[in-house]
C-alpha atoms as a PDB file:
ATOM      1  CA  MET A   1     126.575 177.725 125.230  1.00  0.00           C
ATOM      2  CA  LEU A   2     124.262 180.158 126.980  1.00  0.00           C
ATOM      3  CA  TYR A   3     127.110 182.510 127.886  1.00  0.00           C
ATOM      4  CA  THR A   4     128.235 182.433 124.258  1.00  0.00           C
ATOM      5  CA  ALA A   5     124.686 183.256 123.182  1.00  0.00           C
ATOM      6  CA  GLY A   6     124.698 186.184 125.616  1.00  0.00           C
ATOM      7  CA  PHE A   7     127.887 187.635 124.189  1.00  0.00           C
ATOM      8  CA  ALA A   8     126.653 186.977 120.645  1.00  0.00           C
ATOM      9  CA  SER A   9     123.443 188.875 121.372  1.00  0.00           C
ATOM     10  CA  ILE A  10     125.481 191.862 122.526  1.00  0.00           C
ATOM     11  CA  GLY A  11     127.368 191.851 119.229  1.00  0.00           C
ATOM     12  CA  LEU A  12     124.165 191.278 117.292  1.00  0.00           C
ATOM     13  CA  SER A  13     122.574 194.191 119.129  1.00  0.00           C
ATOM     14  CA  ILE A  14     125.342 196.547 118.049  1.00  0.00           C
ATOM     15  CA  ALA A  15     125.295 195.184 114.494  1.00  0.00           C
ATOM     16  CA  SER A  16     121.514 195.475 114.164  1.00  0.00           C
ATOM     17  CA  TRP A  17     121.604 199.014 115.518  1.00  0.00           C
ATOM     18  CA  MET A  18     124.303 200.041 113.039  1.00  0.00           C
ATOM     19  CA  MET A  19     122.609 198.323 110.084  1.00  0.00           C
ATOM     20  CA  SER A  20     119.186 199.728 110.913  1.00  0.00           C
ATOM     21  CA  ARG A  21     120.671 203.170 111.313  1.00  0.00           C
ATOM     22  CA  SER A  22     122.499 203.117 107.981  1.00  0.00           C
ATOM     23  CA  ILE A  23     120.022 201.184 105.806  1.00  0.00           C
ATOM     24  CA  GLU A  24     116.731 202.758 106.785  1.00  0.00           C
ATOM     25  CA  SER A  25     116.017 206.358 106.055  1.00  0.00           C
ATOM     26  CA  ARG A  26     113.623 206.599 108.991  1.00  0.00           C
ATOM     27  CA  ASP A  27     114.258 208.275 112.280  1.00  0.00           C
ATOM     28  CA  ILE A  28     117.066 207.035 114.547  1.00  0.00           C
ATOM     29  CA  ASP A  29     114.414 205.891 117.051  1.00  0.00           C
ATOM     30  CA  ARG A  30     113.760 202.770 114.990  1.00  0.00           C
ATOM     31  CA  ALA A  31     117.455 201.845 115.033  1.00  0.00           C
ATOM     32  CA  ASP A  32     117.538 202.366 118.774  1.00  0.00           C
ATOM     33  CA  ARG A  33     114.516 200.111 119.222  1.00  0.00           C
ATOM     34  CA  TRP A  34     116.131 197.308 117.224  1.00  0.00           C
ATOM     35  CA  GLY A  35     119.341 197.565 119.213  1.00  0.00           C
ATOM     36  CA  ILE A  36     117.497 197.578 122.521  1.00  0.00           C
ATOM     37  CA  PHE A  37     115.238 194.679 121.479  1.00  0.00           C
ATOM     38  CA  VAL A  38     118.150 192.415 120.612  1.00  0.00           C
ATOM     39  CA  GLY A  39     120.218 193.715 123.530  1.00  0.00           C
ATOM     40  CA  GLN A  40     117.582 192.586 126.000  1.00  0.00           C
ATOM     41  CA  TRP A  41     118.334 188.971 125.124  1.00  0.00           C
ATOM     42  CA  ALA A  42     121.797 189.099 126.716  1.00  0.00           C
ATOM     43  CA  PRO A  43     120.680 189.285 130.374  1.00  0.00           C
ATOM     44  CA  ALA A  44     118.252 186.418 129.800  1.00  0.00           C
ATOM     45  CA  PHE A  45     120.986 184.232 128.316  1.00  0.00           C
ATOM     46  CA  PHE A  46     123.394 185.080 131.147  1.00  0.00           C
ATOM     47  CA  ALA A  47     120.717 184.361 133.768  1.00  0.00           C
ATOM     48  CA  LEU A  48     119.910 181.038 132.122  1.00  0.00           C
ATOM     49  CA  GLY A  49     123.623 180.222 132.002  1.00  0.00           C
ATOM     50  CA  ASN A  50     123.954 180.907 135.720  1.00  0.00           C
ATOM     51  CA  ALA A  51     120.857 178.842 136.479  1.00  0.00           C
ATOM     52  CA  MET A  52     122.177 175.905 134.460  1.00  0.00           C
ATOM     53  CA  ARG A  53     125.588 176.133 136.150  1.00  0.00           C
ATOM     54  CA  MET A  54     123.965 176.132 139.588  1.00  0.00           C
ATOM     55  CA  GLU A  55     121.718 173.221 138.634  1.00  0.00           C
ATOM     56  CA  GLU A  56     124.684 171.192 137.411  1.00  0.00           C
ATOM     57  CA  GLU A  57     126.669 171.912 140.575  1.00  0.00           C
ATOM     58  CA  MET A  58     123.765 171.122 142.886  1.00  0.00           C
ATOM     59  CA  GLY A  59     122.750 168.102 140.859  1.00  0.00           C
ATOM     60  CA  GLU A  60     126.174 166.522 141.309  1.00  0.00           C
ATOM     61  CA  SER A  61     126.505 167.215 145.029  1.00  0.00           C
ATOM     62  CA  MET A  62     122.947 166.565 146.168  1.00  0.00           C
ATOM     63  CA  PRO A  63     122.785 162.768 145.700  1.00  0.00           C
ATOM     64  CA  SER A  64     126.001 162.144 147.615  1.00  0.00           C
ATOM     65  CA  GLU A  65     124.863 164.437 150.436  1.00  0.00           C
ATOM     66  CA  ARG A  66     121.538 162.603 150.631  1.00  0.00           C
ATOM     67  CA  VAL A  67     123.288 159.235 150.771  1.00  0.00           C
ATOM     68  CA  GLU A  68     125.564 160.409 153.583  1.00  0.00           C
ATOM     69  CA  ARG A  69     122.589 161.828 155.502  1.00  0.00           C
ATOM     70  CA  MET A  70     120.688 158.578 155.123  1.00  0.00           C
ATOM     71  CA  LYS A  71     123.704 156.569 156.298  1.00  0.00           C
ATOM     72  CA  SER A  72     124.169 158.756 159.375  1.00  0.00           C
ATOM     73  CA  ARG A  73     120.470 158.493 160.242  1.00  0.00           C
ATOM     74  CA  ALA A  74     120.616 154.720 159.865  1.00  0.00           C
ATOM     75  CA  ARG A  75     123.634 154.576 162.204  1.00  0.00           C
ATOM     76  CA  GLU A  76     121.802 156.684 164.792  1.00  0.00           C
ATOM     77  CA  ARG A  77     118.774 154.368 164.717  1.00  0.00           C
ATOM     78  CA  MET A  78     120.773 151.159 165.111  1.00  0.00           C
ATOM     79  CA  PRO A  79     120.683 149.858 168.654  1.00  0.00           C
ATOM     80  CA  VAL A  80     124.001 149.827 170.437  1.00  0.00           C
ATOM     81  CA  GLY A  81     124.473 146.529 172.091  1.00  0.00           C
END
């Protein structure tokens, strides 16, 4: 969902720039500011998407790795007899 939001913000940035440029009779600077403002959302959404993906991958593998580590430590501590 976050990657989709990132791509949507890119499209929204272009659309807001074009609409601001054609609707307002002010200088083109205002249109550029709107486009840049909305366009800055895309990197944040992509970064959040990457962070969530990494969290999901690590969240699934971490418990099993911890269990295996605990089992191997328990085997090492058991007296051989």
